[in-house]
Amino acid sequence: MLDPEITVEAYNQLRQQPSAPLLLDVREPWEVATASIPGAVNIPMGEITSRAHTELDPDQPIVVLCHHGARSLSVTMWLRNQGFDHAQSLAGGIDHWSRVIDPSVPLY
């Protein structure tokens, strides 16, 4: 089974592949408006349980994103328990992404 977390560096390489994982942003809409990564699908953490099975493909690789990595890890573990075996949390969240990969993404 995949490691529950993926580094920002590893995800940055994967996202450039034709079969890139879905980037699932579980932050609140105001957070997404403040800072985001293009192409991410936003389903706030509080809505995951009611939307995951209708809006996500359990066979598709999914990288879950939040601010610092705690919410995304929690959602990743829930998704895995629901049969989404290819879900991984982006370690350090969008904050770490901004610091290491893309400094144009605002810190908040």
PDB file of N, CA and C in Angstrom:
ATOM      1  N   MET A   1       0.843  -1.193   0.000  1.00  0.00           N
ATOM      2  CA  MET A   1       0.000   0.000   0.000  1.00  0.00           C
ATOM      3  C   MET A   1       0.884   1.251   0.000  1.00  0.00           C
ATOM      4  N   LEU A   2       0.402   2.289  -0.630  1.00  0.00           N
ATOM      5  CA  LEU A   2       1.121   3.559  -0.680  1.00  0.00           C
ATOM      6  C   LEU A   2       1.306   4.151   0.713  1.00  0.00           C
ATOM      7  N   ASP A   3       2.381   4.908   0.871  1.00  0.00           N
ATOM      8  CA  ASP A   3       2.584   5.662   2.101  1.00  0.00           C
ATOM      9  C   ASP A   3       1.406   6.635   2.248  1.00  0.00           C
ATOM     10  N   PRO A   4       0.934   6.892   3.468  1.00  0.00           N
ATOM     11  CA  PRO A   4      -0.201   7.804   3.630  1.00  0.00           C
ATOM     12  C   PRO A   4       0.100   9.247   3.206  1.00  0.00           C
ATOM     13  N   GLU A   5       1.385   9.614   3.181  1.00  0.00           N
ATOM     14  CA  GLU A   5       1.752  10.970   2.794  1.00  0.00           C
ATOM     15  C   GLU A   5       2.659  10.953   1.569  1.00  0.00           C
ATOM     16  N   ILE A   6       2.607  12.039   0.806  1.00  0.00           N
ATOM     17  CA  ILE A   6       3.481  12.236  -0.337  1.00  0.00           C
ATOM     18  C   ILE A   6       4.135  13.604  -0.166  1.00  0.00           C
ATOM     19  N   THR A   7       5.400  13.702  -0.495  1.00  0.00           N
ATOM     20  CA  THR A   7       6.096  14.984  -0.363  1.00  0.00           C
ATOM     21  C   THR A   7       5.663  15.941  -1.471  1.00  0.00           C
ATOM     22  N   VAL A   8       5.870  17.219  -1.233  1.00  0.00           N
ATOM     23  CA  VAL A   8       5.530  18.199  -2.265  1.00  0.00           C
ATOM     24  C   VAL A   8       6.395  17.993  -3.503  1.00  0.00           C
ATOM     25  N   GLU A   9       7.642  17.590  -3.299  1.00  0.00           N
ATOM     26  CA  GLU A   9       8.533  17.345  -4.428  1.00  0.00           C
ATOM     27  C   GLU A   9       8.046  16.178  -5.286  1.00  0.00           C
ATOM     28  N   ALA A  10       7.645  15.091  -4.633  1.00  0.00           N
ATOM     29  CA  ALA A  10       7.151  13.917  -5.372  1.00  0.00           C
ATOM     30  C   ALA A  10       5.844  14.235  -6.091  1.00  0.00           C
ATOM     31  N   TYR A  11       4.944  14.960  -5.420  1.00  0.00           N
ATOM     32  CA  TYR A  11       3.692  15.323  -6.075  1.00  0.00           C
ATOM     33  C   TYR A  11       3.944  16.252  -7.260  1.00  0.00           C
ATOM     34  N   ASN A  12       4.873  17.176  -7.113  1.00  0.00           N
ATOM     35  CA  ASN A  12       5.179  18.102  -8.209  1.00  0.00           C
ATOM     36  C   ASN A  12       5.626  17.341  -9.455  1.00  0.00           C
ATOM     37  N   GLN A  13       6.349  16.251  -9.288  1.00  0.00           N
ATOM     38  CA  GLN A  13       6.747  15.428 -10.437  1.00  0.00           C
ATOM     39  C   GLN A  13       5.550  14.672 -11.005  1.00  0.00           C
ATOM     40  N   LEU A  14       4.731  14.090 -10.123  1.00  0.00           N
ATOM     41  CA  LEU A  14       3.563  13.322 -10.571  1.00  0.00           C
ATOM     42  C   LEU A  14       2.551  14.174 -11.313  1.00  0.00           C
ATOM     43  N   ARG A  15       2.364  15.400 -10.884  1.00  0.00           N
ATOM     44  CA  ARG A  15       1.321  16.245 -11.480  1.00  0.00           C
ATOM     45  C   ARG A  15       1.626  16.608 -12.925  1.00  0.00           C
ATOM     46  N   GLN A  16       2.853  16.414 -13.346  1.00  0.00           N
ATOM     47  CA  GLN A  16       3.232  16.718 -14.722  1.00  0.00           C
ATOM     48  C   GLN A  16       3.075  15.510 -15.652  1.00  0.00           C
ATOM     49  N   GLN A  17       2.681  14.381 -15.092  1.00  0.00           N
ATOM     50  CA  GLN A  17       2.487  13.164 -15.879  1.00  0.00           C
ATOM     51  C   GLN A  17       1.085  13.146 -16.485  1.00  0.00           C
ATOM     52  N   PRO A  18       0.911  12.425 -17.607  1.00  0.00           N
ATOM     53  CA  PRO A  18      -0.431  12.337 -18.217  1.00  0.00           C
ATOM     54  C   PRO A  18      -1.467  11.716 -17.272  1.00  0.00           C
ATOM     55  N   SER A  19      -1.042  10.804 -16.428  1.00  0.00           N
ATOM     56  CA  SER A  19      -1.979  10.162 -15.497  1.00  0.00           C
ATOM     57  C   SER A  19      -1.824  10.762 -14.093  1.00  0.00           C
ATOM     58  N   ALA A  20      -1.757  12.076 -14.026  1.00  0.00           N
ATOM     59  CA  ALA A  20      -1.559  12.772 -12.749  1.00  0.00           C
ATOM     60  C   ALA A  20      -2.700  12.474 -11.780  1.00  0.00           C
ATOM     61  N   PRO A  21      -2.383  12.386 -10.489  1.00  0.00           N
ATOM     62  CA  PRO A  21      -3.451  12.170  -9.509  1.00  0.00           C
ATOM     63  C   PRO A  21      -4.381  13.378  -9.418  1.00  0.00           C
ATOM     64  N   LEU A  22      -5.589  13.126  -8.979  1.00  0.00           N
ATOM     65  CA  LEU A  22      -6.533  14.193  -8.690  1.00  0.00           C
ATOM     66  C   LEU A  22      -6.036  14.921  -7.442  1.00  0.00           C
ATOM     67  N   LEU A  23      -5.997  16.244  -7.479  1.00  0.00           N
ATOM     68  CA  LEU A  23      -5.648  17.030  -6.301  1.00  0.00           C
ATOM     69  C   LEU A  23      -6.946  17.450  -5.629  1.00  0.00           C
ATOM     70  N   LEU A  24      -7.178  16.929  -4.431  1.00  0.00           N
ATOM     71  CA  LEU A  24      -8.396  17.186  -3.673  1.00  0.00           C
ATOM     72  C   LEU A  24      -8.082  18.154  -2.538  1.00  0.00           C
ATOM     73  N   ASP A  25      -8.611  19.348  -2.620  1.00  0.00           N
ATOM     74  CA  ASP A  25      -8.381  20.392  -1.616  1.00  0.00           C
ATOM     75  C   ASP A  25      -9.520  20.343  -0.612  1.00  0.00           C
ATOM     76  N   VAL A  26      -9.211  20.032   0.643  1.00  0.00           N
ATOM     77  CA  VAL A  26     -10.250  19.877   1.663  1.00  0.00           C
ATOM     78  C   VAL A  26     -10.369  21.098   2.572  1.00  0.00           C
ATOM     79  N   ARG A  27      -9.775  22.217   2.141  1.00  0.00           N
ATOM     80  CA  ARG A  27      -9.884  23.445   2.917  1.00  0.00           C
ATOM     81  C   ARG A  27     -11.227  24.124   2.649  1.00  0.00           C
ATOM     82  N   GLU A  28     -11.530  25.112   3.476  1.00  0.00           N
ATOM     83  CA  GLU A  28     -12.762  25.883   3.333  1.00  0.00           C
ATOM     84  C   GLU A  28     -12.657  26.806   2.112  1.00  0.00           C
ATOM     85  N   PRO A  29     -13.788  27.174   1.514  1.00  0.00           N
ATOM     86  CA  PRO A  29     -13.752  28.032   0.323  1.00  0.00           C
ATOM     87  C   PRO A  29     -12.949  29.331   0.506  1.00  0.00           C
ATOM     88  N   TRP A  30     -13.024  29.957   1.681  1.00  0.00           N
ATOM     89  CA  TRP A  30     -12.268  31.201   1.888  1.00  0.00           C
ATOM     90  C   TRP A  30     -10.761  30.930   1.829  1.00  0.00           C
ATOM     91  N   GLU A  31     -10.339  29.739   2.270  1.00  0.00           N
ATOM     92  CA  GLU A  31      -8.921  29.398   2.214  1.00  0.00           C
ATOM     93  C   GLU A  31      -8.478  29.184   0.764  1.00  0.00           C
ATOM     94  N   VAL A  32      -9.326  28.523  -0.011  1.00  0.00           N
ATOM     95  CA  VAL A  32      -9.026  28.280  -1.419  1.00  0.00           C
ATOM     96  C   VAL A  32      -8.938  29.610  -2.165  1.00  0.00           C
ATOM     97  N   ALA A  33      -9.816  30.566  -1.816  1.00  0.00           N
ATOM     98  CA  ALA A  33      -9.778  31.889  -2.448  1.00  0.00           C
ATOM     99  C   ALA A  33      -8.497  32.635  -2.091  1.00  0.00           C
ATOM    100  N   THR A  34      -7.931  32.346  -0.931  1.00  0.00           N
ATOM    101  CA  THR A  34      -6.709  33.005  -0.475  1.00  0.00           C
ATOM    102  C   THR A  34      -5.474  32.443  -1.168  1.00  0.00           C
ATOM    103  N   ALA A  35      -5.408  31.130  -1.281  1.00  0.00           N
ATOM    104  CA  ALA A  35      -4.242  30.463  -1.877  1.00  0.00           C
ATOM    105  C   ALA A  35      -4.689  29.127  -2.436  1.00  0.00           C
ATOM    106  N   SER A  36      -4.281  28.828  -3.668  1.00  0.00           N
ATOM    107  CA  SER A  36      -4.693  27.561  -4.258  1.00  0.00           C
ATOM    108  C   SER A  36      -3.676  27.076  -5.281  1.00  0.00           C
ATOM    109  N   ILE A  37      -3.810  25.813  -5.632  1.00  0.00           N
ATOM    110  CA  ILE A  37      -3.000  25.197  -6.674  1.00  0.00           C
ATOM    111  C   ILE A  37      -3.949  24.931  -7.846  1.00  0.00           C
ATOM    112  N   PRO A  38      -3.611  25.435  -9.037  1.00  0.00           N
ATOM    113  CA  PRO A  38      -4.506  25.256 -10.189  1.00  0.00           C
ATOM    114  C   PRO A  38      -4.862  23.785 -10.433  1.00  0.00           C
ATOM    115  N   GLY A  39      -6.121  23.567 -10.758  1.00  0.00           N
ATOM    116  CA  GLY A  39      -6.590  22.228 -11.089  1.00  0.00           C
ATOM    117  C   GLY A  39      -7.140  21.438  -9.915  1.00  0.00           C
ATOM    118  N   ALA A  40      -7.014  21.973  -8.711  1.00  0.00           N
ATOM    119  CA  ALA A  40      -7.506  21.254  -7.535  1.00  0.00           C
ATOM    120  C   ALA A  40      -9.033  21.255  -7.504  1.00  0.00           C
ATOM    121  N   VAL A  41      -9.595  20.165  -6.989  1.00  0.00           N
ATOM    122  CA  VAL A  41     -11.028  20.040  -6.762  1.00  0.00           C
ATOM    123  C   VAL A  41     -11.264  20.322  -5.286  1.00  0.00           C
ATOM    124  N   ASN A  42     -12.165  21.256  -4.980  1.00  0.00           N
ATOM    125  CA  ASN A  42     -12.418  21.617  -3.584  1.00  0.00           C
ATOM    126  C   ASN A  42     -13.658  20.915  -3.052  1.00  0.00           C
ATOM    127  N   ILE A  43     -13.438  20.074  -2.051  1.00  0.00           N
ATOM    128  CA  ILE A  43     -14.527  19.515  -1.248  1.00  0.00           C
ATOM    129  C   ILE A  43     -14.092  19.739   0.202  1.00  0.00           C
ATOM    130  N   PRO A  44     -14.691  20.720   0.900  1.00  0.00           N
ATOM    131  CA  PRO A  44     -14.282  20.981   2.278  1.00  0.00           C
ATOM    132  C   PRO A  44     -14.380  19.728   3.154  1.00  0.00           C
ATOM    133  N   MET A  45     -13.487  19.637   4.114  1.00  0.00           N
ATOM    134  CA  MET A  45     -13.406  18.457   4.980  1.00  0.00           C
ATOM    135  C   MET A  45     -14.773  18.061   5.549  1.00  0.00           C
ATOM    136  N   GLY A  46     -15.554  19.039   5.959  1.00  0.00           N
ATOM    137  CA  GLY A  46     -16.862  18.757   6.552  1.00  0.00           C
ATOM    138  C   GLY A  46     -17.873  18.164   5.582  1.00  0.00           C
ATOM    139  N   GLU A  47     -17.568  18.194   4.282  1.00  0.00           N
ATOM    140  CA  GLU A  47     -18.483  17.655   3.278  1.00  0.00           C
ATOM    141  C   GLU A  47     -17.998  16.348   2.658  1.00  0.00           C
ATOM    142  N   ILE A  48     -16.817  15.908   3.038  1.00  0.00           N
ATOM    143  CA  ILE A  48     -16.224  14.699   2.431  1.00  0.00           C
ATOM    144  C   ILE A  48     -17.127  13.479   2.595  1.00  0.00           C
ATOM    145  N   THR A  49     -17.632  13.259   3.795  1.00  0.00           N
ATOM    146  CA  THR A  49     -18.419  12.039   4.027  1.00  0.00           C
ATOM    147  C   THR A  49     -19.682  11.984   3.173  1.00  0.00           C
ATOM    148  N   SER A  50     -20.246  13.140   2.858  1.00  0.00           N
ATOM    149  CA  SER A  50     -21.474  13.143   2.058  1.00  0.00           C
ATOM    150  C   SER A  50     -21.222  13.228   0.555  1.00  0.00           C
ATOM    151  N   ARG A  51     -20.002  13.589   0.146  1.00  0.00           N
ATOM    152  CA  ARG A  51     -19.741  13.797  -1.286  1.00  0.00           C
ATOM    153  C   ARG A  51     -18.735  12.821  -1.905  1.00  0.00           C
ATOM    154  N   ALA A  52     -17.899  12.204  -1.096  1.00  0.00           N
ATOM    155  CA  ALA A  52     -16.800  11.380  -1.633  1.00  0.00           C
ATOM    156  C   ALA A  52     -17.287  10.274  -2.562  1.00  0.00           C
ATOM    157  N   HIS A  53     -18.289   9.541  -2.145  1.00  0.00           N
ATOM    158  CA  HIS A  53     -18.713   8.376  -2.928  1.00  0.00           C
ATOM    159  C   HIS A  53     -19.437   8.744  -4.219  1.00  0.00           C
ATOM    160  N   THR A  54     -19.909   9.974  -4.334  1.00  0.00           N
ATOM    161  CA  THR A  54     -20.577  10.388  -5.568  1.00  0.00           C
ATOM    162  C   THR A  54     -19.675  11.214  -6.481  1.00  0.00           C
ATOM    163  N   GLU A  55     -18.628  11.833  -5.922  1.00  0.00           N
ATOM    164  CA  GLU A  55     -17.806  12.741  -6.724  1.00  0.00           C
ATOM    165  C   GLU A  55     -16.374  12.273  -6.955  1.00  0.00           C
ATOM    166  N   LEU A  56     -15.939  11.241  -6.244  1.00  0.00           N
ATOM    167  CA  LEU A  56     -14.564  10.754  -6.380  1.00  0.00           C
ATOM    168  C   LEU A  56     -14.546   9.316  -6.870  1.00  0.00           C
ATOM    169  N   ASP A  57     -13.507   8.967  -7.611  1.00  0.00           N
ATOM    170  CA  ASP A  57     -13.326   7.610  -8.135  1.00  0.00           C
ATOM    171  C   ASP A  57     -12.376   6.853  -7.210  1.00  0.00           C
ATOM    172  N   PRO A  58     -12.839   5.778  -6.579  1.00  0.00           N
ATOM    173  CA  PRO A  58     -11.978   5.043  -5.647  1.00  0.00           C
ATOM    174  C   PRO A  58     -10.761   4.398  -6.301  1.00  0.00           C
ATOM    175  N   ASP A  59     -10.774   4.266  -7.618  1.00  0.00           N
ATOM    176  CA  ASP A  59      -9.634   3.662  -8.315  1.00  0.00           C
ATOM    177  C   ASP A  59      -8.615   4.686  -8.795  1.00  0.00           C
ATOM    178  N   GLN A  60      -8.949   5.960  -8.692  1.00  0.00           N
ATOM    179  CA  GLN A  60      -8.046   7.028  -9.159  1.00  0.00           C
ATOM    180  C   GLN A  60      -7.086   7.450  -8.044  1.00  0.00           C
ATOM    181  N   PRO A  61      -5.818   7.658  -8.373  1.00  0.00           N
ATOM    182  CA  PRO A  61      -4.907   8.233  -7.381  1.00  0.00           C
ATOM    183  C   PRO A  61      -5.395   9.633  -6.988  1.00  0.00           C
ATOM    184  N   ILE A  62      -5.404   9.902  -5.685  1.00  0.00           N
ATOM    185  CA  ILE A  62      -5.863  11.182  -5.143  1.00  0.00           C
ATOM    186  C   ILE A  62      -4.813  11.707  -4.185  1.00  0.00           C
ATOM    187  N   VAL A  63      -4.438  12.972  -4.345  1.00  0.00           N
ATOM    188  CA  VAL A  63      -3.569  13.642  -3.383  1.00  0.00           C
ATOM    189  C   VAL A  63      -4.442  14.666  -2.677  1.00  0.00           C
ATOM    190  N   VAL A  64      -4.512  14.551  -1.350  1.00  0.00           N
ATOM    191  CA  VAL A  64      -5.384  15.397  -0.536  1.00  0.00           C
ATOM    192  C   VAL A  64      -4.558  16.552   0.042  1.00  0.00           C
ATOM    193  N   LEU A  65      -5.099  17.751  -0.071  1.00  0.00           N
ATOM    194  CA  LEU A  65      -4.399  18.976   0.288  1.00  0.00           C
ATOM    195  C   LEU A  65      -5.174  19.773   1.332  1.00  0.00           C
ATOM    196  N   CYS A  66      -4.454  20.327   2.310  1.00  0.00           N
ATOM    197  CA  CYS A  66      -5.042  21.288   3.239  1.00  0.00           C
ATOM    198  C   CYS A  66      -4.000  22.373   3.509  1.00  0.00           C
ATOM    199  N   HIS A  67      -4.120  23.073   4.636  1.00  0.00           N
ATOM    200  CA  HIS A  67      -3.199  24.175   4.929  1.00  0.00           C
ATOM    201  C   HIS A  67      -1.817  23.673   5.347  1.00  0.00           C
ATOM    202  N   HIS A  68      -1.762  22.829   6.383  1.00  0.00           N
ATOM    203  CA  HIS A  68      -0.475  22.336   6.893  1.00  0.00           C
ATOM    204  C   HIS A  68      -0.320  20.820   6.843  1.00  0.00           C
ATOM    205  N   GLY A  69      -1.350  20.079   6.489  1.00  0.00           N
ATOM    206  CA  GLY A  69      -1.235  18.632   6.346  1.00  0.00           C
ATOM    207  C   GLY A  69      -2.007  17.805   7.349  1.00  0.00           C
ATOM    208  N   ALA A  70      -2.575  18.427   8.385  1.00  0.00           N
ATOM    209  CA  ALA A  70      -3.306  17.649   9.394  1.00  0.00           C
ATOM    210  C   ALA A  70      -4.686  17.223   8.897  1.00  0.00           C
ATOM    211  N   ARG A  71      -5.464  18.154   8.371  1.00  0.00           N
ATOM    212  CA  ARG A  71      -6.800  17.805   7.860  1.00  0.00           C
ATOM    213  C   ARG A  71      -6.691  16.836   6.697  1.00  0.00           C
ATOM    214  N   SER A  72      -5.720  17.075   5.821  1.00  0.00           N
ATOM    215  CA  SER A  72      -5.587  16.201   4.653  1.00  0.00           C
ATOM    216  C   SER A  72      -5.205  14.779   5.058  1.00  0.00           C
ATOM    217  N   LEU A  73      -4.386  14.632   6.088  1.00  0.00           N
ATOM    218  CA  LEU A  73      -4.031  13.287   6.548  1.00  0.00           C
ATOM    219  C   LEU A  73      -5.250  12.592   7.146  1.00  0.00           C
ATOM    220  N   SER A  74      -6.050  13.333   7.889  1.00  0.00           N
ATOM    221  CA  SER A  74      -7.273  12.771   8.459  1.00  0.00           C
ATOM    222  C   SER A  74      -8.230  12.322   7.351  1.00  0.00           C
ATOM    223  N   VAL A  75      -8.414  13.157   6.342  1.00  0.00           N
ATOM    224  CA  VAL A  75      -9.293  12.808   5.209  1.00  0.00           C
ATOM    225  C   VAL A  75      -8.710  11.626   4.441  1.00  0.00           C
ATOM    226  N   THR A  76      -7.405  11.611   4.245  1.00  0.00           N
ATOM    227  CA  THR A  76      -6.760  10.494   3.545  1.00  0.00           C
ATOM    228  C   THR A  76      -7.047   9.175   4.244  1.00  0.00           C
ATOM    229  N   MET A  77      -6.901   9.156   5.557  1.00  0.00           N
ATOM    230  CA  MET A  77      -7.138   7.914   6.299  1.00  0.00           C
ATOM    231  C   MET A  77      -8.613   7.502   6.220  1.00  0.00           C
ATOM    232  N   TRP A  78      -9.527   8.477   6.267  1.00  0.00           N
ATOM    233  CA  TRP A  78     -10.948   8.161   6.117  1.00  0.00           C
ATOM    234  C   TRP A  78     -11.211   7.586   4.731  1.00  0.00           C
ATOM    235  N   LEU A  79     -10.659   8.249   3.693  1.00  0.00           N
ATOM    236  CA  LEU A  79     -10.849   7.752   2.322  1.00  0.00           C
ATOM    237  C   LEU A  79     -10.333   6.330   2.185  1.00  0.00           C
ATOM    238  N   ARG A  80      -9.170   6.049   2.741  1.00  0.00           N
ATOM    239  CA  ARG A  80      -8.615   4.694   2.650  1.00  0.00           C
ATOM    240  C   ARG A  80      -9.525   3.678   3.327  1.00  0.00           C
ATOM    241  N   ASN A  81     -10.098   4.063   4.442  1.00  0.00           N
ATOM    242  CA  ASN A  81     -11.036   3.167   5.131  1.00  0.00           C
ATOM    243  C   ASN A  81     -12.301   2.934   4.317  1.00  0.00           C
ATOM    244  N   GLN A  82     -12.594   3.839   3.385  1.00  0.00           N
ATOM    245  CA  GLN A  82     -13.767   3.734   2.522  1.00  0.00           C
ATOM    246  C   GLN A  82     -13.451   3.053   1.190  1.00  0.00           C
ATOM    247  N   GLY A  83     -12.211   2.581   1.016  1.00  0.00           N
ATOM    248  CA  GLY A  83     -11.851   1.876  -0.208  1.00  0.00           C
ATOM    249  C   GLY A  83     -11.088   2.701  -1.232  1.00  0.00           C
ATOM    250  N   PHE A  84     -10.753   3.935  -0.889  1.00  0.00           N
ATOM    251  CA  PHE A  84      -9.947   4.771  -1.778  1.00  0.00           C
ATOM    252  C   PHE A  84      -8.472   4.498  -1.471  1.00  0.00           C
ATOM    253  N   ASP A  85      -7.985   3.363  -1.938  1.00  0.00           N
ATOM    254  CA  ASP A  85      -6.652   2.882  -1.568  1.00  0.00           C
ATOM    255  C   ASP A  85      -5.503   3.714  -2.113  1.00  0.00           C
ATOM    256  N   HIS A  86      -5.788   4.560  -3.106  1.00  0.00           N
ATOM    257  CA  HIS A  86      -4.727   5.341  -3.739  1.00  0.00           C
ATOM    258  C   HIS A  86      -4.701   6.789  -3.253  1.00  0.00           C
ATOM    259  N   ALA A  87      -5.319   7.057  -2.100  1.00  0.00           N
ATOM    260  CA  ALA A  87      -5.321   8.413  -1.535  1.00  0.00           C
ATOM    261  C   ALA A  87      -4.053   8.641  -0.727  1.00  0.00           C
ATOM    262  N   GLN A  88      -3.474   9.830  -0.891  1.00  0.00           N
ATOM    263  CA  GLN A  88      -2.302  10.241  -0.122  1.00  0.00           C
ATOM    264  C   GLN A  88      -2.473  11.699   0.286  1.00  0.00           C
ATOM    265  N   SER A  89      -1.925  12.040   1.431  1.00  0.00           N
ATOM    266  CA  SER A  89      -1.957  13.407   1.933  1.00  0.00           C
ATOM    267  C   SER A  89      -0.697  14.147   1.500  1.00  0.00           C
ATOM    268  N   LEU A  90      -0.851  15.402   1.072  1.00  0.00           N
ATOM    269  CA  LEU A  90       0.303  16.221   0.705  1.00  0.00           C
ATOM    270  C   LEU A  90       0.965  16.718   1.989  1.00  0.00           C
ATOM    271  N   ALA A  91       2.140  16.176   2.297  1.00  0.00           N
ATOM    272  CA  ALA A  91       2.844  16.498   3.541  1.00  0.00           C
ATOM    273  C   ALA A  91       3.166  17.992   3.609  1.00  0.00           C
ATOM    274  N   GLY A  92       2.777  18.622   4.690  1.00  0.00           N
ATOM    275  CA  GLY A  92       3.045  20.042   4.888  1.00  0.00           C
ATOM    276  C   GLY A  92       2.025  20.968   4.267  1.00  0.00           C
ATOM    277  N   GLY A  93       1.099  20.412   3.487  1.00  0.00           N
ATOM    278  CA  GLY A  93       0.013  21.197   2.909  1.00  0.00           C
ATOM    279  C   GLY A  93       0.453  22.282   1.945  1.00  0.00           C
ATOM    280  N   ILE A  94      -0.483  23.196   1.693  1.00  0.00           N
ATOM    281  CA  ILE A  94      -0.211  24.271   0.740  1.00  0.00           C
ATOM    282  C   ILE A  94       0.847  25.228   1.289  1.00  0.00           C
ATOM    283  N   ASP A  95       0.972  25.288   2.597  1.00  0.00           N
ATOM    284  CA  ASP A  95       2.003  26.128   3.200  1.00  0.00           C
ATOM    285  C   ASP A  95       3.390  25.651   2.756  1.00  0.00           C
ATOM    286  N   HIS A  96       3.622  24.353   2.853  1.00  0.00           N
ATOM    287  CA  HIS A  96       4.919  23.794   2.443  1.00  0.00           C
ATOM    288  C   HIS A  96       5.096  23.902   0.935  1.00  0.00           C
ATOM    289  N   TRP A  97       4.021  23.719   0.170  1.00  0.00           N
ATOM    290  CA  TRP A  97       4.056  23.877  -1.282  1.00  0.00           C
ATOM    291  C   TRP A  97       4.550  25.289  -1.632  1.00  0.00           C
ATOM    292  N   SER A  98       3.996  26.291  -0.953  1.00  0.00           N
ATOM    293  CA  SER A  98       4.382  27.688  -1.202  1.00  0.00           C
ATOM    294  C   SER A  98       5.854  27.927  -0.890  1.00  0.00           C
ATOM    295  N   ARG A  99       6.329  27.338   0.188  1.00  0.00           N
ATOM    296  CA  ARG A  99       7.704  27.564   0.629  1.00  0.00           C
ATOM    297  C   ARG A  99       8.738  26.828  -0.229  1.00  0.00           C
ATOM    298  N   VAL A 100       8.367  25.659  -0.768  1.00  0.00           N
ATOM    299  CA  VAL A 100       9.345  24.811  -1.455  1.00  0.00           C
ATOM    300  C   VAL A 100       9.175  24.795  -2.984  1.00  0.00           C
ATOM    301  N   ILE A 101       7.941  24.759  -3.461  1.00  0.00           N
ATOM    302  CA  ILE A 101       7.688  24.552  -4.892  1.00  0.00           C
ATOM    303  C   ILE A 101       7.296  25.847  -5.616  1.00  0.00           C
ATOM    304  N   ASP A 102       6.322  26.561  -5.096  1.00  0.00           N
ATOM    305  CA  ASP A 102       5.778  27.717  -5.823  1.00  0.00           C
ATOM    306  C   ASP A 102       5.570  28.912  -4.893  1.00  0.00           C
ATOM    307  N   PRO A 103       6.584  29.763  -4.780  1.00  0.00           N
ATOM    308  CA  PRO A 103       6.459  30.919  -3.878  1.00  0.00           C
ATOM    309  C   PRO A 103       5.425  31.947  -4.321  1.00  0.00           C
ATOM    310  N   SER A 104       4.855  31.792  -5.523  1.00  0.00           N
ATOM    311  CA  SER A 104       3.795  32.718  -5.948  1.00  0.00           C
ATOM    312  C   SER A 104       2.468  32.410  -5.255  1.00  0.00           C
ATOM    313  N   VAL A 105       2.353  31.220  -4.645  1.00  0.00           N
ATOM    314  CA  VAL A 105       1.162  30.876  -3.882  1.00  0.00           C
ATOM    315  C   VAL A 105       1.277  31.573  -2.521  1.00  0.00           C
ATOM    316  N   PRO A 106       0.310  32.439  -2.190  1.00  0.00           N
ATOM    317  CA  PRO A 106       0.411  33.214  -0.944  1.00  0.00           C
ATOM    318  C   PRO A 106       0.422  32.338   0.310  1.00  0.00           C
ATOM    319  N   LEU A 107       1.184  32.779   1.286  1.00  0.00           N
ATOM    320  CA  LEU A 107       1.147  32.166   2.617  1.00  0.00           C
ATOM    321  C   LEU A 107       0.049  32.845   3.416  1.00  0.00           C
ATOM    322  N   TYR A 108      -0.595  32.099   4.289  1.00  0.00           N
ATOM    323  CA  TYR A 108      -1.611  32.708   5.167  1.00  0.00           C
ATOM    324  C   TYR A 108      -1.596  32.006   6.507  1.00  0.00           C
TER     325      TYR A 108
END
